[in-house]
Amino acid sequence: MTTPTALIPAQAAARLDDYTVIDVRTPGEYASGHLPGAHNIPLDHLHTALPALKTAAARGTLLMVCASGNRSTTACEQLAAADIPAATLTGGTTAGAGEGHTLHHPDNVSAVWPMERQVRLAAGSLVVLGLAAGTRWRPARWLSAAIGGGLIFSAATNTCGMAAALAKLPHNQPRTTDLDATLQALQD
């Protein structure tokens, strides 16, 4: 098993051409801005991409990227378990953009909110719904309690079930042809 390397945005930007960059965010998030030359393989499709990633890693270093660094760290751990070396971008594209590094924004592609923002909207909406419905039907307040408990569990375990569920929505899913083309490009 290999140990993932963490790079700060300045380190990654200085040698970006030396890496095969894999963005593990959803396709909608990827479309909102990604590192130049990055390939999009959403985290929940990473297991499908292992053979292509192993081939790409044999040619050079993989740099896993997401919005904040959490999903890319998870991706590196999964790759390490498959004995595929990879590095992660600390702070993700958010930190890179904050330091002035360029993000590529594809033309004619609709961008979606980052996953963290989608989670905040869904969680907040469910809490308000539970409280509002609870004024008429008291047991509905348990929805708010359940969402609060889920957020505490999410923070304690550094996982997010709501993000995993939201990633399955159609606007967050890759088109099969796009994922297949990405995998083929990594193996060529």
Protein backbone atom coordinates (compact mmCIF):
# COMPACT_ATOMS: atom_id res chain seq x y z
CA MET A 1 0.00 0.00 0.00
CA THR A 2 1.34 3.44 -0.94
CA THR A 3 1.12 6.59 1.16
CA PRO A 4 -0.60 9.57 -0.51
CA THR A 5 1.32 12.82 -0.83
CA ALA A 6 -0.35 16.15 -0.08
CA LEU A 7 0.64 19.15 -2.18
CA ILE A 8 -0.21 22.79 -1.57
CA PRO A 9 -1.56 24.73 -4.59
CA ALA A 10 1.75 26.50 -5.26
CA GLN A 11 3.63 23.18 -5.42
CA ALA A 12 1.07 21.68 -7.77
CA ALA A 13 0.89 24.77 -10.01
CA ALA A 14 4.68 24.85 -10.41
CA ARG A 15 4.67 21.33 -11.88
CA LEU A 16 1.10 20.96 -13.18
CA ASP A 17 2.29 19.63 -16.55
CA ASP A 18 4.12 16.79 -14.78
CA TYR A 19 0.87 15.39 -13.33
CA THR A 20 -2.10 13.52 -14.68
CA VAL A 21 -4.79 15.54 -12.92
CA ILE A 22 -7.96 13.70 -11.89
CA ASP A 23 -10.86 15.83 -10.62
CA VAL A 24 -13.11 13.67 -8.44
CA ARG A 25 -15.99 16.17 -8.15
CA THR A 26 -19.32 15.68 -9.86
CA PRO A 27 -19.50 16.63 -13.56
CA GLY A 28 -21.50 19.75 -12.72
CA GLU A 29 -18.91 20.91 -10.19
CA TYR A 30 -16.12 20.08 -12.65
CA ALA A 31 -17.84 22.25 -15.28
CA SER A 32 -17.89 25.19 -12.86
CA GLY A 33 -14.09 25.38 -13.07
CA HIS A 34 -11.25 22.87 -12.93
CA LEU A 35 -7.48 22.74 -13.22
CA PRO A 36 -6.30 22.97 -16.83
CA GLY A 37 -5.99 19.51 -18.36
CA ALA A 38 -7.88 17.77 -15.54
CA HIS A 39 -9.84 14.61 -16.27
CA ASN A 40 -13.20 14.20 -14.51
CA ILE A 41 -13.80 10.92 -12.70
CA PRO A 42 -16.39 11.43 -9.95
CA LEU A 43 -15.43 9.83 -6.64
CA ASP A 44 -18.35 7.40 -6.75
CA HIS A 45 -17.08 6.08 -10.12
CA LEU A 46 -13.46 5.72 -9.02
CA HIS A 47 -13.69 1.93 -8.62
CA THR A 48 -14.64 1.65 -12.31
CA ALA A 49 -11.60 3.72 -13.29
CA LEU A 50 -8.98 1.76 -11.32
CA PRO A 51 -7.50 -0.07 -14.35
CA ALA A 52 -7.20 3.18 -16.34
CA LEU A 53 -5.74 5.00 -13.33
CA LYS A 54 -3.18 2.23 -12.78
CA THR A 55 -2.09 2.63 -16.41
CA ALA A 56 -1.89 6.42 -16.08
CA ALA A 57 0.05 6.15 -12.79
CA ALA A 58 2.63 3.93 -14.49
CA ARG A 59 3.39 6.86 -16.85
CA GLY A 60 3.58 9.55 -14.17
CA THR A 61 2.18 10.95 -10.94
CA LEU A 62 -1.57 11.22 -10.44
CA LEU A 63 -2.83 14.40 -8.76
CA MET A 64 -6.28 13.98 -7.28
CA VAL A 65 -8.33 17.18 -6.97
CA CYS A 66 -11.72 18.24 -5.60
CA ALA A 67 -13.20 21.47 -4.25
CA SER A 68 -11.71 21.39 -0.74
CA GLY A 69 -9.35 18.43 -0.58
CA ASN A 70 -11.66 16.06 1.33
CA ARG A 71 -12.88 13.95 -1.60
CA SER A 72 -9.43 13.93 -3.23
CA THR A 73 -7.94 12.64 0.03
CA THR A 74 -10.58 9.89 0.08
CA ALA A 75 -9.72 9.11 -3.55
CA CYS A 76 -6.01 8.86 -2.68
CA GLU A 77 -6.83 6.46 0.14
CA GLN A 78 -8.87 4.28 -2.23
CA LEU A 79 -6.07 4.35 -4.79
CA ALA A 80 -3.47 3.52 -2.11
CA ALA A 81 -5.55 0.48 -1.13
CA ALA A 82 -5.32 -0.61 -4.79
CA ASP A 83 -1.55 0.08 -4.71
CA ILE A 84 -1.84 3.06 -7.06
CA PRO A 85 0.31 6.02 -5.99
CA ALA A 86 -1.32 9.45 -6.06
CA ALA A 87 -1.04 12.92 -4.56
CA THR A 88 -3.85 15.17 -3.34
CA LEU A 89 -4.23 18.92 -3.69
CA THR A 90 -4.56 20.38 -0.18
CA GLY A 91 -7.48 22.82 -0.09
CA GLY A 92 -8.60 21.75 -3.56
CA THR A 93 -9.56 24.05 -6.40
CA THR A 94 -10.99 26.52 -3.90
CA ALA A 95 -7.56 27.09 -2.35
CA GLY A 96 -5.89 27.16 -5.76
CA ALA A 97 -8.28 29.77 -7.12
CA GLY A 98 -7.94 31.74 -3.88
CA GLU A 99 -4.19 31.91 -4.47
CA GLY A 100 -4.76 33.19 -8.00
CA HIS A 101 -4.14 29.96 -9.92
CA THR A 102 -6.08 29.58 -13.16
CA LEU A 103 -9.16 27.39 -13.46
CA HIS A 104 -10.51 26.28 -16.81
CA HIS A 105 -14.20 27.08 -17.44
CA PRO A 106 -15.60 25.15 -20.44
CA ASP A 107 -17.77 27.06 -22.89
CA ASN A 108 -21.45 26.16 -23.33
CA VAL A 109 -21.53 23.97 -20.22
CA SER A 110 -23.94 24.68 -17.41
CA ALA A 111 -22.26 24.69 -14.04
CA VAL A 112 -23.95 23.51 -10.86
CA TRP A 113 -23.35 24.55 -7.31
CA PRO A 114 -20.43 22.97 -5.48
CA MET A 115 -21.45 19.89 -3.49
CA GLU A 116 -20.92 21.63 -0.14
CA ARG A 117 -23.42 24.32 -1.19
CA GLN A 118 -25.91 21.69 -2.40
CA VAL A 119 -25.63 19.95 0.98
CA ARG A 120 -26.18 23.21 2.88
CA LEU A 121 -29.29 23.98 0.79
CA ALA A 122 -30.74 20.47 1.23
CA ALA A 123 -29.97 20.28 4.96
CA GLY A 124 -31.26 23.78 5.68
CA SER A 125 -34.41 23.19 3.66
CA LEU A 126 -35.14 19.92 5.46
CA VAL A 127 -34.60 21.52 8.88
CA VAL A 128 -36.97 24.41 8.04
CA LEU A 129 -39.50 21.96 6.57
CA GLY A 130 -39.36 19.83 9.73
CA LEU A 131 -39.84 22.85 11.98
CA ALA A 132 -42.64 24.33 9.86
CA ALA A 133 -44.49 21.01 9.56
CA GLY A 134 -43.92 20.48 13.28
CA THR A 135 -46.19 23.42 14.08
CA ARG A 136 -49.13 21.39 12.72
CA TRP A 137 -47.91 17.83 13.35
CA ARG A 138 -45.43 17.58 16.22
CA PRO A 139 -43.64 14.37 15.08
CA ALA A 140 -42.43 16.23 11.96
CA ARG A 141 -39.89 18.01 14.17
CA TRP A 142 -37.96 14.74 14.28
CA LEU A 143 -36.93 15.45 10.68
CA SER A 144 -35.02 18.50 11.91
CA ALA A 145 -33.47 16.46 14.71
CA ALA A 146 -32.45 13.72 12.27
CA ILE A 147 -30.79 16.22 9.92
CA GLY A 148 -28.95 17.83 12.86
CA GLY A 149 -27.78 14.42 14.05
CA GLY A 150 -26.66 13.55 10.53
CA LEU A 151 -24.61 16.75 10.33
CA ILE A 152 -22.92 15.96 13.65
CA PHE A 153 -22.15 12.42 12.45
CA SER A 154 -20.85 13.84 9.17
CA ALA A 155 -18.47 16.17 10.98
CA ALA A 156 -17.28 13.48 13.39
CA THR A 157 -16.57 10.91 10.67
CA ASN A 158 -15.56 13.28 7.85
CA THR A 159 -18.12 11.59 5.61
CA CYS A 160 -21.34 12.94 4.17
CA GLY A 161 -24.26 10.69 3.36
CA MET A 162 -26.26 13.64 2.05
CA ALA A 163 -23.48 14.53 -0.40
CA ALA A 164 -23.37 10.90 -1.54
CA ALA A 165 -27.14 10.99 -2.13
CA LEU A 166 -27.03 14.36 -3.91
CA ALA A 167 -24.18 13.14 -6.13
CA LYS A 168 -26.64 10.60 -7.57
CA LEU A 169 -28.96 13.33 -8.91
CA PRO A 170 -28.98 13.58 -12.73
CA HIS A 171 -27.25 16.98 -12.90
CA ASN A 172 -24.35 15.58 -10.85
CA GLN A 173 -23.90 12.39 -12.88
CA PRO A 174 -21.44 11.95 -15.75
CA ARG A 175 -22.78 10.98 -19.13
CA THR A 176 -21.56 7.45 -19.80
CA THR A 177 -19.88 8.55 -23.03
CA ASP A 178 -17.91 11.24 -21.18
CA LEU A 179 -16.67 8.82 -18.53
CA ASP A 180 -15.80 6.20 -21.15
CA ALA A 181 -13.86 8.79 -23.18
CA THR A 182 -12.00 9.91 -20.06
CA LEU A 183 -11.04 6.34 -19.18
CA GLN A 184 -9.90 5.68 -22.74
CA ALA A 185 -7.78 8.86 -22.74
CA LEU A 186 -6.07 7.74 -19.52
CA GLN A 187 -5.21 4.35 -21.00
CA ASP A 188 -3.83 5.75 -24.27
